[in-house]
Amino acid sequence: MSSVTAEQQAEGLVLHSLRGRVALVATVAASAMASLDATVVNVALPHIGEEFDADISALQWVLTGYLVALASLILLGGALRYCRQQKSKKRVVTFVCDTGNKYLSKMYNDFWMAEQGFVERPTHGDLSDLISHRAEKGEVIMVGPDDTLLTAFKRMRTGDVSQLPVLSGEGRAVGIIDESDLLVKVHRDPAKFNDLVKGAMTDRLETLSPAANISDLLGVFDRGRVAIVMEGDKFLGLITRTDLLSFLRLHMPK
């Protein structure tokens, strides 16, 4: 095993040296591979979610797992190289990332970050402030009346939600479908997953305008419904009990 000479130690990573050129090429190649890998996985994520019924946290771990593994190996490789260069016994401590499904999946989840108050969202001073997934920003997980129940189920699993708004092609709310509606249809015959959403959805909607107050919202919850916020014919989003609790927690006295 060759030892590190004093000249090599003094030289370090100089660009015009062989070691410097090799390090530069390796760094550029690694960055390009990481960027390409992230791009390919991003394109495939929607299909991965539907095929494997993966929720948001699982999909985020698929995306970040490669980079976390790379970062862990860089730290470990650097520690091993340092150890080989030592002439006496030393205790060396390094870090190796764990699965990351507890914190990385949260860090890259915009909705979780907003719920925890780490990200500020524009406010309007009305009920629309309670909507976590806003239609005007394309955040609503929804189905159409002509989608299948299987599609609705997969989107519930991917979005980690128990109900979905049913929107027409014009973006108008025509119904809502939840896990109970799915169970009623498919519990005796799983082939019913191929039936259309419009045959299982509830079209008796509880709608509120953004100008409604909290007591109106609580009345909807008391009837066992989810509040659909509409501004005229424009669908803004859903408000669930969890949305209300998250809003109240963020505004509790310090």
Protein backbone atom coordinates (compact mmCIF):
# COMPACT_ATOMS: atom_id res chain seq x y z
CA MET A 1 0.00 0.00 0.00
CA SER A 2 1.51 3.33 -1.04
CA SER A 3 1.91 6.08 1.53
CA VAL A 4 1.10 9.79 1.08
CA THR A 5 4.29 11.84 0.58
CA ALA A 6 4.91 15.28 2.03
CA GLU A 7 4.89 16.76 -1.48
CA GLN A 8 1.47 15.23 -2.20
CA GLN A 9 0.08 16.54 1.07
CA ALA A 10 1.40 20.02 0.37
CA GLU A 11 0.10 19.96 -3.18
CA GLY A 12 -3.50 19.17 -2.22
CA LEU A 13 -6.08 19.29 -5.00
CA VAL A 14 -4.50 21.67 -7.50
CA LEU A 15 -6.35 21.94 -10.80
CA HIS A 16 -3.23 21.52 -12.99
CA SER A 17 -2.24 18.33 -11.15
CA LEU A 18 -3.45 14.87 -12.12
CA ARG A 19 -5.32 14.46 -8.85
CA GLY A 20 -7.01 17.83 -9.35
CA ARG A 21 -8.17 16.97 -12.86
CA VAL A 22 -9.48 13.58 -11.74
CA ALA A 23 -11.39 15.17 -8.83
CA LEU A 24 -12.89 17.80 -11.14
CA VAL A 25 -14.04 15.23 -13.70
CA ALA A 26 -15.47 12.99 -10.96
CA THR A 27 -17.35 15.91 -9.38
CA VAL A 28 -18.88 17.05 -12.68
CA ALA A 29 -19.82 13.48 -13.64
CA ALA A 30 -21.42 12.81 -10.25
CA SER A 31 -23.44 16.04 -10.42
CA ALA A 32 -24.63 15.25 -13.93
CA MET A 33 -25.65 11.71 -12.94
CA ALA A 34 -27.52 12.96 -9.87
CA SER A 35 -29.38 15.56 -11.95
CA LEU A 36 -30.27 13.01 -14.65
CA ASP A 37 -31.39 10.47 -12.05
CA ALA A 38 -33.65 13.01 -10.29
CA THR A 39 -35.16 14.06 -13.63
CA VAL A 40 -35.94 10.49 -14.68
CA VAL A 41 -37.48 9.64 -11.30
CA ASN A 42 -39.57 12.83 -11.33
CA VAL A 43 -41.06 11.87 -14.69
CA ALA A 44 -41.87 8.38 -13.43
CA LEU A 45 -43.31 9.37 -10.02
CA PRO A 46 -47.01 9.65 -11.06
CA HIS A 47 -46.91 6.19 -12.64
CA ILE A 48 -45.04 4.72 -9.65
CA GLY A 49 -47.68 6.12 -7.30
CA GLU A 50 -50.61 4.66 -9.25
CA GLU A 51 -49.01 1.26 -9.89
CA PHE A 52 -47.82 0.66 -6.31
CA ASP A 53 -50.54 2.62 -4.46
CA ALA A 54 -47.78 4.69 -2.85
CA ASP A 55 -48.62 7.66 -0.67
CA ILE A 56 -46.89 11.06 -0.84
CA SER A 57 -44.26 10.18 1.76
CA ALA A 58 -43.27 7.03 -0.12
CA LEU A 59 -43.00 8.90 -3.42
CA GLN A 60 -40.81 11.58 -1.86
CA TRP A 61 -38.55 8.92 -0.42
CA VAL A 62 -38.21 7.36 -3.88
CA LEU A 63 -36.99 10.73 -5.17
CA THR A 64 -34.65 11.60 -2.30
CA GLY A 65 -33.40 8.10 -1.51
CA TYR A 66 -30.78 8.10 -4.25
CA LEU A 67 -29.26 11.40 -3.14
CA VAL A 68 -29.34 10.41 0.53
CA ALA A 69 -27.48 7.19 -0.27
CA LEU A 70 -24.89 9.15 -2.26
CA ALA A 71 -24.42 11.65 0.58
CA SER A 72 -23.98 8.82 3.09
CA LEU A 73 -21.31 7.15 0.97
CA ILE A 74 -19.41 10.42 0.52
CA LEU A 75 -19.17 10.88 4.29
CA LEU A 76 -18.23 7.26 4.85
CA GLY A 77 -15.68 7.26 2.04
CA GLY A 78 -14.05 10.42 3.34
CA ALA A 79 -13.81 8.97 6.84
CA LEU A 80 -12.23 5.75 5.57
CA ARG A 81 -9.66 7.65 3.50
CA TYR A 82 -8.77 9.80 6.49
CA CYS A 83 -8.31 6.69 8.63
CA ARG A 84 -5.97 5.09 6.09
CA GLN A 85 -3.73 8.17 6.16
CA GLN A 86 -3.27 8.07 9.94
CA LYS A 87 -0.09 6.58 11.43
CA SER A 88 -1.53 6.09 14.91
CA LYS A 89 -4.84 4.81 16.22
CA LYS A 90 -7.57 7.43 16.34
CA ARG A 91 -11.29 7.37 17.02
CA VAL A 92 -13.13 8.78 13.99
CA VAL A 93 -16.84 9.66 14.03
CA THR A 94 -18.93 10.14 10.90
CA PHE A 95 -22.63 10.27 10.03
CA VAL A 96 -24.64 7.85 7.94
CA CYS A 97 -28.19 8.92 7.03
CA ASP A 98 -31.03 6.59 7.94
CA THR A 99 -34.01 5.87 5.70
CA GLY A 100 -35.11 9.51 5.83
CA ASN A 101 -38.81 8.65 5.79
CA LYS A 102 -39.44 10.68 8.93
CA TYR A 103 -37.87 14.02 8.12
CA LEU A 104 -36.99 14.20 4.42
CA SER A 105 -40.56 13.30 3.45
CA LYS A 106 -41.76 16.20 5.59
CA MET A 107 -39.18 18.71 4.43
CA TYR A 108 -40.21 18.33 0.78
CA ASN A 109 -43.96 18.27 1.48
CA ASP A 110 -45.23 21.83 0.91
CA PHE A 111 -48.57 21.07 2.57
CA TRP A 112 -46.95 19.66 5.73
CA MET A 113 -44.58 22.64 5.88
CA ALA A 114 -47.53 25.03 5.60
CA GLU A 115 -49.52 23.15 8.27
CA GLN A 116 -46.59 23.44 10.66
CA GLY A 117 -46.21 27.17 10.00
CA PHE A 118 -42.80 26.90 8.32
CA VAL A 119 -44.12 28.28 5.02
CA GLU A 120 -46.29 31.38 4.85
CA ARG A 121 -49.20 31.34 2.42
CA PRO A 122 -51.13 34.40 1.25
CA THR A 123 -54.24 35.04 3.35
CA HIS A 124 -57.63 36.47 2.40
CA GLY A 125 -59.23 36.87 5.82
CA ASP A 126 -62.05 34.40 5.09
CA LEU A 127 -62.77 30.66 4.98
CA SER A 128 -60.48 30.18 1.98
CA ASP A 129 -57.55 30.54 4.39
CA LEU A 130 -58.49 27.14 5.84
CA ILE A 131 -58.16 25.32 2.49
CA SER A 132 -54.95 23.28 2.47
CA HIS A 133 -55.13 22.20 -1.20
CA ARG A 134 -56.21 25.16 -3.32
CA ALA A 135 -57.84 24.66 -6.70
CA GLU A 136 -56.52 27.88 -8.25
CA LYS A 137 -52.97 26.63 -7.69
CA GLY A 138 -53.67 23.17 -9.09
CA GLU A 139 -53.16 21.52 -5.69
CA VAL A 140 -56.51 19.70 -5.47
CA ILE A 141 -56.45 15.92 -5.82
CA MET A 142 -59.65 15.14 -7.70
CA VAL A 143 -61.42 12.77 -10.05
CA GLY A 144 -63.87 13.22 -12.87
CA PRO A 145 -67.33 11.61 -13.03
CA ASP A 146 -66.17 9.31 -15.85
CA ASP A 147 -63.05 8.08 -14.03
CA THR A 148 -63.16 4.58 -12.55
CA LEU A 149 -63.44 3.75 -8.87
CA LEU A 150 -59.97 2.20 -9.12
CA THR A 151 -58.58 5.57 -10.23
CA ALA A 152 -60.33 7.25 -7.28
CA PHE A 153 -58.89 4.69 -4.86
CA LYS A 154 -55.35 5.09 -6.18
CA ARG A 155 -55.53 8.87 -5.93
CA MET A 156 -56.78 8.64 -2.35
CA ARG A 157 -53.82 6.44 -1.49
CA THR A 158 -51.32 8.64 -3.33
CA GLY A 159 -52.64 11.83 -1.73
CA ASP A 160 -53.18 10.24 1.72
CA VAL A 161 -56.79 11.52 1.78
CA SER A 162 -60.10 9.80 2.49
CA GLN A 163 -62.31 11.76 0.09
CA LEU A 164 -62.02 13.41 -3.31
CA PRO A 165 -64.04 16.15 -5.01
CA VAL A 166 -65.57 15.13 -8.32
CA LEU A 167 -65.09 17.89 -10.88
CA SER A 168 -66.57 18.24 -14.34
CA GLY A 169 -64.47 19.05 -17.37
CA GLU A 170 -65.18 22.73 -16.76
CA GLY A 171 -63.84 22.51 -13.20
CA ARG A 172 -67.28 22.65 -11.56
CA ALA A 173 -67.87 20.53 -8.45
CA VAL A 174 -70.53 17.92 -9.25
CA GLY A 175 -70.00 15.51 -6.37
CA ILE A 176 -67.74 14.05 -3.75
CA ILE A 177 -66.60 10.47 -3.21
CA ASP A 178 -65.05 8.97 -0.08
CA GLU A 179 -63.83 5.62 1.17
CA SER A 180 -67.31 4.64 2.38
CA ASP A 181 -68.72 5.16 -1.10
CA LEU A 182 -66.03 2.89 -2.51
CA LEU A 183 -66.66 0.17 0.08
CA VAL A 184 -70.40 0.14 -0.59
CA LYS A 185 -69.71 -0.55 -4.25
CA VAL A 186 -66.83 -3.02 -4.15
CA HIS A 187 -67.06 -4.99 -0.90
CA ARG A 188 -69.12 -7.78 -2.50
CA ASP A 189 -67.55 -7.68 -5.95
CA PRO A 190 -64.01 -6.25 -6.44
CA ALA A 191 -64.72 -6.12 -10.20
CA LYS A 192 -66.84 -3.05 -9.38
CA PHE A 193 -63.58 -1.10 -9.17
CA ASN A 194 -64.04 -0.74 -12.92
CA ASP A 195 -67.36 1.10 -12.44
CA LEU A 196 -67.51 4.86 -12.98
CA VAL A 197 -67.26 7.41 -10.20
CA LYS A 198 -70.57 9.04 -11.15
CA GLY A 199 -72.40 5.87 -10.08
CA ALA A 200 -70.92 5.94 -6.55
CA MET A 201 -70.37 9.62 -5.73
CA THR A 202 -72.57 11.76 -3.51
CA ASP A 203 -74.10 14.70 -5.36
CA ARG A 204 -75.74 16.26 -2.27
CA LEU A 205 -73.03 18.79 -1.64
CA GLU A 206 -72.52 21.04 1.37
CA THR A 207 -71.21 24.24 -0.16
CA LEU A 208 -70.07 27.40 1.61
CA SER A 209 -68.94 30.74 0.29
CA PRO A 210 -65.61 32.17 1.48
CA ALA A 211 -67.60 34.79 3.41
CA ALA A 212 -69.25 32.14 5.64
CA ASN A 213 -68.21 31.96 9.29
CA ILE A 214 -66.83 29.20 11.49
CA SER A 215 -70.27 28.35 12.93
CA ASP A 216 -71.50 27.58 9.41
CA LEU A 217 -68.49 25.33 8.92
CA LEU A 218 -69.12 23.50 12.21
CA GLY A 219 -72.72 22.93 11.11
CA VAL A 220 -71.48 21.12 8.01
CA PHE A 221 -69.18 18.96 10.15
CA ASP A 222 -72.03 18.16 12.56
CA ARG A 223 -73.95 16.71 9.61
CA GLY A 224 -71.01 14.42 8.86
CA ARG A 225 -70.06 16.22 5.65
CA VAL A 226 -67.00 17.89 4.16
CA ALA A 227 -67.31 21.59 3.33
CA ILE A 228 -66.92 22.52 -0.35
CA VAL A 229 -65.92 26.17 -0.70
CA MET A 230 -67.38 27.84 -3.78
CA GLU A 231 -67.11 31.41 -5.01
CA GLY A 232 -70.15 31.56 -7.26
CA ASP A 233 -69.67 28.63 -9.64
CA LYS A 234 -65.91 28.57 -9.03
CA PHE A 235 -64.60 25.66 -6.94
CA LEU A 236 -61.94 26.80 -4.45
CA GLY A 237 -61.30 23.63 -2.47
CA LEU A 238 -62.37 21.43 0.46
CA ILE A 239 -62.22 22.08 4.19
CA THR A 240 -62.04 19.08 6.51
CA ARG A 241 -61.98 18.84 10.29
CA THR A 242 -58.22 18.37 10.11
CA ASP A 243 -57.86 21.59 8.11
CA LEU A 244 -59.80 23.51 10.76
CA LEU A 245 -57.76 22.01 13.61
CA SER A 246 -54.48 22.83 11.84
CA PHE A 247 -55.63 26.42 11.28
CA LEU A 248 -56.63 26.86 14.94
CA ARG A 249 -53.37 25.38 16.18
CA LEU A 250 -51.32 27.78 14.07
CA HIS A 251 -53.27 30.71 15.52
CA MET A 252 -53.21 29.69 19.16
CA PRO A 253 -51.74 32.27 21.59
CA LYS A 254 -47.96 32.05 21.97
